């Protein structure tokens, strides 16, 4: 079962994911992303994601498209080795904005003007 915890810092929503992003277990992710209002960026922290399948990739692509159509940036951080490999094999690593694990992101790293709030990957 996929668990999603949202932490909003200024205009950046950081979603901590834990579990599997697979067919039948993505509703919590979709619901949480769709509930974000007034944000300029949504960041998904994959540090505790154990696997992802084609259905999970499809959900990520849908969410990316939805958010970008609203002018909201979509970024993946702290991607595990397995998920990174799946992104590479499917060539989706060139579609998603993936930030390395140890980086502490600041809102100023996004292309939009946002607050200077800092956030680290999920604990």
N, C-alpha and C. Protein backbone atom coordinates (compact mmCIF):
# COMPACT_ATOMS: atom_id res chain seq x y z
N UNK A 1 0.83 -1.18 0.00
CA UNK A 1 0.00 0.00 0.00
C UNK A 1 0.88 1.25 0.00
N UNK A 2 0.58 2.18 -0.87
CA UNK A 2 1.34 3.41 -0.98
C UNK A 2 0.83 4.42 0.05
N UNK A 3 1.77 4.96 0.83
CA UNK A 3 1.44 6.01 1.79
C UNK A 3 2.00 7.32 1.25
N UNK A 4 1.22 8.38 1.38
CA UNK A 4 1.63 9.69 0.90
C UNK A 4 1.42 10.71 2.00
N UNK A 5 2.48 11.44 2.32
CA UNK A 5 2.39 12.48 3.33
C UNK A 5 2.79 13.80 2.67
N UNK A 6 1.90 14.79 2.75
CA UNK A 6 2.16 16.09 2.13
C UNK A 6 2.71 17.06 3.16
N UNK A 7 3.74 17.80 2.74
CA UNK A 7 4.30 18.88 3.55
C UNK A 7 4.43 20.09 2.65
N UNK A 8 3.69 21.12 2.95
CA UNK A 8 3.77 22.34 2.13
C UNK A 8 4.67 23.35 2.82
N UNK A 9 5.58 23.89 2.03
CA UNK A 9 6.48 24.92 2.52
C UNK A 9 6.41 26.06 1.53
N UNK A 10 5.68 27.07 1.93
CA UNK A 10 5.48 28.18 1.01
C UNK A 10 4.66 27.70 -0.17
N UNK A 11 5.14 27.94 -1.35
CA UNK A 11 4.40 27.56 -2.54
C UNK A 11 4.89 26.24 -3.14
N UNK A 12 5.68 25.49 -2.35
CA UNK A 12 6.19 24.20 -2.82
C UNK A 12 5.57 23.09 -1.97
N UNK A 13 4.92 22.12 -2.64
CA UNK A 13 4.35 20.97 -1.94
C UNK A 13 5.32 19.80 -2.08
N UNK A 14 5.77 19.27 -0.95
CA UNK A 14 6.67 18.12 -0.92
C UNK A 14 5.86 16.92 -0.48
N UNK A 15 5.79 15.90 -1.34
CA UNK A 15 5.03 14.70 -1.01
C UNK A 15 5.99 13.55 -0.74
N UNK A 16 5.95 13.04 0.48
CA UNK A 16 6.79 11.91 0.88
C UNK A 16 6.04 10.63 0.56
N UNK A 17 6.64 9.79 -0.28
CA UNK A 17 6.01 8.55 -0.72
C UNK A 17 6.68 7.37 -0.03
N UNK A 18 5.85 6.38 0.36
CA UNK A 18 6.39 5.17 0.97
C UNK A 18 5.57 3.97 0.50
N UNK A 19 6.27 3.00 -0.09
CA UNK A 19 5.59 1.80 -0.56
C UNK A 19 5.82 1.57 -2.04
N UNK A 20 4.79 1.03 -2.69
CA UNK A 20 4.89 0.67 -4.10
C UNK A 20 3.96 1.55 -4.93
N UNK A 21 4.45 2.04 -6.05
CA UNK A 21 3.62 2.80 -6.98
C UNK A 21 3.27 1.84 -8.11
N UNK A 22 2.22 1.07 -7.86
CA UNK A 22 1.83 0.01 -8.78
C UNK A 22 0.32 0.02 -9.00
N UNK A 23 -0.11 -0.73 -10.02
CA UNK A 23 -1.53 -0.82 -10.35
C UNK A 23 -2.36 -1.13 -9.11
N UNK A 24 -3.39 -0.35 -8.89
CA UNK A 24 -4.28 -0.54 -7.76
C UNK A 24 -3.85 0.14 -6.48
N UNK A 25 -2.66 0.75 -6.46
CA UNK A 25 -2.17 1.39 -5.24
C UNK A 25 -1.77 2.85 -5.46
N UNK A 26 -2.32 3.50 -6.46
CA UNK A 26 -1.90 4.86 -6.78
C UNK A 26 -2.93 5.93 -6.44
N UNK A 27 -4.10 5.52 -5.95
CA UNK A 27 -5.16 6.49 -5.69
C UNK A 27 -4.75 7.54 -4.66
N UNK A 28 -4.03 7.14 -3.62
CA UNK A 28 -3.60 8.09 -2.60
C UNK A 28 -2.69 9.16 -3.20
N UNK A 29 -1.82 8.75 -4.10
CA UNK A 29 -0.92 9.70 -4.75
C UNK A 29 -1.72 10.68 -5.61
N UNK A 30 -2.59 10.15 -6.42
CA UNK A 30 -3.40 11.01 -7.30
C UNK A 30 -4.24 11.99 -6.48
N UNK A 31 -4.89 11.48 -5.43
CA UNK A 31 -5.75 12.31 -4.59
C UNK A 31 -4.95 13.42 -3.90
N UNK A 32 -3.77 13.08 -3.37
CA UNK A 32 -2.96 14.07 -2.66
C UNK A 32 -2.43 15.14 -3.61
N UNK A 33 -1.96 14.74 -4.77
CA UNK A 33 -1.47 15.72 -5.75
C UNK A 33 -2.62 16.63 -6.17
N UNK A 34 -3.78 16.06 -6.45
CA UNK A 34 -4.92 16.87 -6.91
C UNK A 34 -5.46 17.80 -5.81
N UNK A 35 -5.14 17.52 -4.56
CA UNK A 35 -5.62 18.37 -3.47
C UNK A 35 -4.72 19.59 -3.22
N UNK A 36 -3.57 19.65 -3.87
CA UNK A 36 -2.65 20.76 -3.66
C UNK A 36 -3.18 22.01 -4.36
N UNK A 37 -3.37 23.07 -3.61
CA UNK A 37 -3.89 24.33 -4.15
C UNK A 37 -2.89 25.45 -3.88
N UNK A 38 -2.76 26.34 -4.82
CA UNK A 38 -1.93 27.52 -4.63
C UNK A 38 -0.44 27.24 -4.57
N UNK A 39 0.00 26.15 -5.15
CA UNK A 39 1.43 25.84 -5.16
C UNK A 39 2.00 26.09 -6.55
N UNK A 40 3.29 26.40 -6.60
CA UNK A 40 3.95 26.58 -7.89
C UNK A 40 4.78 25.37 -8.26
N UNK A 41 4.97 24.44 -7.30
CA UNK A 41 5.76 23.23 -7.56
C UNK A 41 5.29 22.10 -6.67
N UNK A 42 5.32 20.89 -7.23
CA UNK A 42 5.04 19.67 -6.48
C UNK A 42 6.27 18.79 -6.62
N UNK A 43 6.82 18.37 -5.48
CA UNK A 43 8.03 17.55 -5.44
C UNK A 43 7.66 16.21 -4.82
N UNK A 44 7.95 15.13 -5.54
CA UNK A 44 7.70 13.79 -5.02
C UNK A 44 9.00 13.20 -4.52
N UNK A 45 9.05 12.83 -3.24
CA UNK A 45 10.24 12.22 -2.65
C UNK A 45 10.09 10.71 -2.72
N UNK A 46 10.96 10.07 -3.50
CA UNK A 46 10.90 8.63 -3.75
C UNK A 46 11.81 7.83 -2.82
N UNK A 47 12.35 8.43 -1.78
CA UNK A 47 13.31 7.76 -0.92
C UNK A 47 12.84 6.45 -0.31
N UNK A 48 11.54 6.30 -0.14
CA UNK A 48 10.99 5.08 0.48
C UNK A 48 10.08 4.31 -0.48
N UNK A 49 10.28 4.52 -1.77
CA UNK A 49 9.50 3.78 -2.77
C UNK A 49 10.28 2.53 -3.15
N UNK A 50 9.63 1.38 -2.99
CA UNK A 50 10.32 0.11 -3.25
C UNK A 50 10.23 -0.33 -4.70
N UNK A 51 9.16 0.01 -5.39
CA UNK A 51 9.01 -0.39 -6.79
C UNK A 51 7.98 0.47 -7.50
N UNK A 52 8.03 0.42 -8.82
CA UNK A 52 7.07 1.14 -9.65
C UNK A 52 6.82 0.28 -10.88
N UNK A 53 5.57 0.22 -11.34
CA UNK A 53 5.26 -0.55 -12.54
C UNK A 53 4.72 0.38 -13.62
N UNK A 54 4.28 -0.20 -14.74
CA UNK A 54 3.79 0.60 -15.87
C UNK A 54 2.61 1.46 -15.48
N UNK A 55 1.71 0.93 -14.66
CA UNK A 55 0.56 1.72 -14.21
C UNK A 55 1.03 2.92 -13.37
N UNK A 56 2.02 2.68 -12.52
CA UNK A 56 2.56 3.77 -11.71
C UNK A 56 3.22 4.84 -12.57
N UNK A 57 3.96 4.41 -13.58
CA UNK A 57 4.56 5.37 -14.51
C UNK A 57 3.49 6.17 -15.23
N UNK A 58 2.40 5.49 -15.60
CA UNK A 58 1.29 6.17 -16.27
C UNK A 58 0.68 7.24 -15.38
N UNK A 59 0.53 6.93 -14.10
CA UNK A 59 -0.02 7.92 -13.16
C UNK A 59 0.93 9.11 -13.05
N UNK A 60 2.23 8.86 -12.95
CA UNK A 60 3.20 9.97 -12.88
C UNK A 60 3.12 10.84 -14.13
N UNK A 61 3.00 10.21 -15.28
CA UNK A 61 2.89 10.98 -16.53
C UNK A 61 1.61 11.81 -16.55
N UNK A 62 0.50 11.22 -16.09
CA UNK A 62 -0.77 11.97 -16.01
C UNK A 62 -0.65 13.17 -15.08
N UNK A 63 -0.08 12.94 -13.90
CA UNK A 63 0.05 14.01 -12.92
C UNK A 63 0.96 15.12 -13.44
N UNK A 64 2.05 14.73 -14.07
CA UNK A 64 2.97 15.71 -14.66
C UNK A 64 2.24 16.58 -15.68
N UNK A 65 1.47 15.93 -16.55
CA UNK A 65 0.74 16.67 -17.58
C UNK A 65 -0.31 17.61 -16.96
N UNK A 66 -1.05 17.10 -15.98
CA UNK A 66 -2.06 17.92 -15.30
C UNK A 66 -1.44 19.16 -14.67
N UNK A 67 -0.36 18.95 -13.93
CA UNK A 67 0.27 20.06 -13.23
C UNK A 67 0.89 21.06 -14.20
N UNK A 68 1.58 20.56 -15.20
CA UNK A 68 2.21 21.47 -16.15
C UNK A 68 1.18 22.29 -16.92
N UNK A 69 0.00 21.72 -17.18
CA UNK A 69 -1.05 22.48 -17.87
C UNK A 69 -1.55 23.64 -17.01
N UNK A 70 -1.35 23.54 -15.69
CA UNK A 70 -1.72 24.60 -14.75
C UNK A 70 -0.55 25.50 -14.42
N UNK A 71 0.61 25.23 -15.03
CA UNK A 71 1.80 26.04 -14.77
C UNK A 71 2.52 25.66 -13.49
N UNK A 72 2.28 24.46 -12.99
CA UNK A 72 2.92 23.98 -11.76
C UNK A 72 4.06 23.04 -12.13
N UNK A 73 5.23 23.27 -11.56
CA UNK A 73 6.38 22.40 -11.82
C UNK A 73 6.20 21.07 -11.10
N UNK A 74 6.80 20.03 -11.67
CA UNK A 74 6.69 18.67 -11.14
C UNK A 74 8.09 18.08 -11.12
N UNK A 75 8.53 17.63 -9.94
CA UNK A 75 9.91 17.16 -9.81
C UNK A 75 9.95 15.90 -8.95
N UNK A 76 10.88 15.00 -9.27
CA UNK A 76 11.12 13.80 -8.50
C UNK A 76 12.46 13.96 -7.78
N UNK A 77 12.51 13.62 -6.49
CA UNK A 77 13.76 13.70 -5.75
C UNK A 77 13.99 12.39 -5.00
N UNK A 78 15.26 12.18 -4.62
CA UNK A 78 15.61 11.05 -3.78
C UNK A 78 15.17 9.72 -4.41
N UNK A 79 15.32 9.62 -5.71
CA UNK A 79 14.86 8.44 -6.45
C UNK A 79 15.78 7.25 -6.14
N UNK A 80 15.18 6.14 -5.77
CA UNK A 80 15.94 4.94 -5.45
C UNK A 80 16.60 4.37 -6.70
N UNK A 81 17.59 3.54 -6.50
CA UNK A 81 18.33 2.94 -7.61
C UNK A 81 17.39 2.15 -8.54
N UNK A 82 16.47 1.38 -7.96
CA UNK A 82 15.54 0.59 -8.76
C UNK A 82 14.63 1.48 -9.61
N UNK A 83 14.06 2.50 -9.00
CA UNK A 83 13.17 3.40 -9.74
C UNK A 83 13.95 4.15 -10.81
N UNK A 84 15.16 4.58 -10.48
CA UNK A 84 16.00 5.26 -11.48
C UNK A 84 16.25 4.36 -12.68
N UNK A 85 16.51 3.08 -12.41
CA UNK A 85 16.75 2.13 -13.50
C UNK A 85 15.51 1.96 -14.38
N UNK A 86 14.34 1.89 -13.75
CA UNK A 86 13.09 1.79 -14.51
C UNK A 86 12.90 3.03 -15.38
N UNK A 87 13.19 4.21 -14.82
CA UNK A 87 13.08 5.45 -15.60
C UNK A 87 14.06 5.43 -16.78
N UNK A 88 15.27 4.92 -16.56
CA UNK A 88 16.26 4.85 -17.63
C UNK A 88 15.83 3.88 -18.73
N UNK A 89 15.37 2.69 -18.34
CA UNK A 89 14.97 1.68 -19.32
C UNK A 89 13.81 2.18 -20.18
N UNK A 90 12.87 2.88 -19.56
CA UNK A 90 11.71 3.40 -20.29
C UNK A 90 11.99 4.75 -20.95
N UNK A 91 13.19 5.26 -20.73
CA UNK A 91 13.61 6.56 -21.23
C UNK A 91 12.79 7.73 -20.67
N UNK A 92 12.13 7.48 -19.55
CA UNK A 92 11.37 8.54 -18.90
C UNK A 92 12.26 9.43 -18.04
N UNK A 93 13.52 9.04 -17.87
CA UNK A 93 14.46 9.89 -17.15
C UNK A 93 14.69 11.20 -17.91
N UNK A 94 14.38 11.21 -19.20
CA UNK A 94 14.49 12.45 -19.98
C UNK A 94 13.20 13.25 -19.96
N UNK A 95 12.13 12.67 -19.44
CA UNK A 95 10.83 13.35 -19.36
C UNK A 95 10.65 14.02 -18.01
N UNK A 96 11.02 13.31 -16.94
CA UNK A 96 10.85 13.84 -15.60
C UNK A 96 12.08 14.61 -15.16
N UNK A 97 11.84 15.64 -14.36
CA UNK A 97 12.93 16.39 -13.75
C UNK A 97 13.30 15.64 -12.48
N UNK A 98 14.46 14.98 -12.49
CA UNK A 98 14.91 14.16 -11.35
C UNK A 98 16.10 14.84 -10.70
N UNK A 99 15.98 15.09 -9.38
CA UNK A 99 17.04 15.73 -8.61
C UNK A 99 17.70 14.68 -7.73
N UNK A 100 19.03 14.67 -7.64
CA UNK A 100 19.74 13.67 -6.84
C UNK A 100 19.33 13.68 -5.37
N UNK A 101 19.54 12.56 -4.70
CA UNK A 101 19.10 12.34 -3.32
C UNK A 101 19.64 13.33 -2.30
N UNK A 102 20.96 13.58 -2.21
CA UNK A 102 21.44 14.36 -1.08
C UNK A 102 21.20 15.86 -1.19
N UNK A 103 20.59 16.30 -2.26
CA UNK A 103 20.41 17.73 -2.47
C UNK A 103 19.29 18.26 -1.58
N UNK A 104 19.55 19.35 -0.89
CA UNK A 104 18.49 20.06 -0.18
C UNK A 104 17.98 21.12 -1.14
N UNK A 105 16.72 20.99 -1.48
CA UNK A 105 16.14 21.91 -2.45
C UNK A 105 15.68 23.19 -1.77
N UNK A 106 15.86 24.29 -2.44
CA UNK A 106 15.28 25.54 -1.98
C UNK A 106 14.28 25.97 -3.02
N UNK A 107 13.27 26.66 -2.59
CA UNK A 107 12.24 27.10 -3.52
C UNK A 107 12.85 27.96 -4.62
N UNK A 108 13.95 28.62 -4.35
CA UNK A 108 14.58 29.47 -5.36
C UNK A 108 15.20 28.66 -6.49
N UNK A 109 15.32 27.33 -6.33
CA UNK A 109 15.87 26.49 -7.40
C UNK A 109 14.84 26.20 -8.49
N UNK A 110 13.60 26.56 -8.24
CA UNK A 110 12.56 26.38 -9.24
C UNK A 110 12.54 27.59 -10.14
N UNK A 111 12.04 27.42 -11.35
CA UNK A 111 12.08 28.52 -12.31
C UNK A 111 11.15 29.67 -11.95
N UNK A 112 10.14 29.40 -11.20
CA UNK A 112 9.22 30.46 -10.77
C UNK A 112 9.76 31.16 -9.54
N UNK A 113 9.28 32.36 -9.34
CA UNK A 113 9.62 33.08 -8.11
C UNK A 113 8.78 32.48 -6.99
N UNK A 114 9.42 31.91 -6.00
CA UNK A 114 8.73 31.36 -4.86
C UNK A 114 9.46 31.79 -3.60
N UNK A 115 8.91 31.44 -2.46
CA UNK A 115 9.56 31.83 -1.21
C UNK A 115 10.92 31.14 -1.09
N UNK A 116 11.73 31.59 -0.16
CA UNK A 116 13.06 31.02 0.02
C UNK A 116 13.05 29.86 1.00
N UNK A 117 11.91 29.23 1.17
CA UNK A 117 11.79 28.11 2.08
C UNK A 117 12.67 26.96 1.64
N UNK A 118 13.33 26.29 2.60
CA UNK A 118 14.14 25.11 2.30
C UNK A 118 13.39 23.88 2.76
N UNK A 119 13.60 22.79 2.06
CA UNK A 119 13.08 21.52 2.51
C UNK A 119 14.03 20.42 2.11
N UNK A 120 14.14 19.45 2.97
CA UNK A 120 15.02 18.31 2.73
C UNK A 120 14.16 17.12 2.37
N UNK A 121 14.79 16.07 1.85
CA UNK A 121 14.05 14.84 1.60
C UNK A 121 13.39 14.34 2.87
N UNK A 122 12.40 13.50 2.74
CA UNK A 122 11.66 12.96 3.87
C UNK A 122 12.60 12.23 4.82
N UNK A 123 12.30 12.36 6.09
CA UNK A 123 13.12 11.71 7.12
C UNK A 123 12.80 10.25 7.23
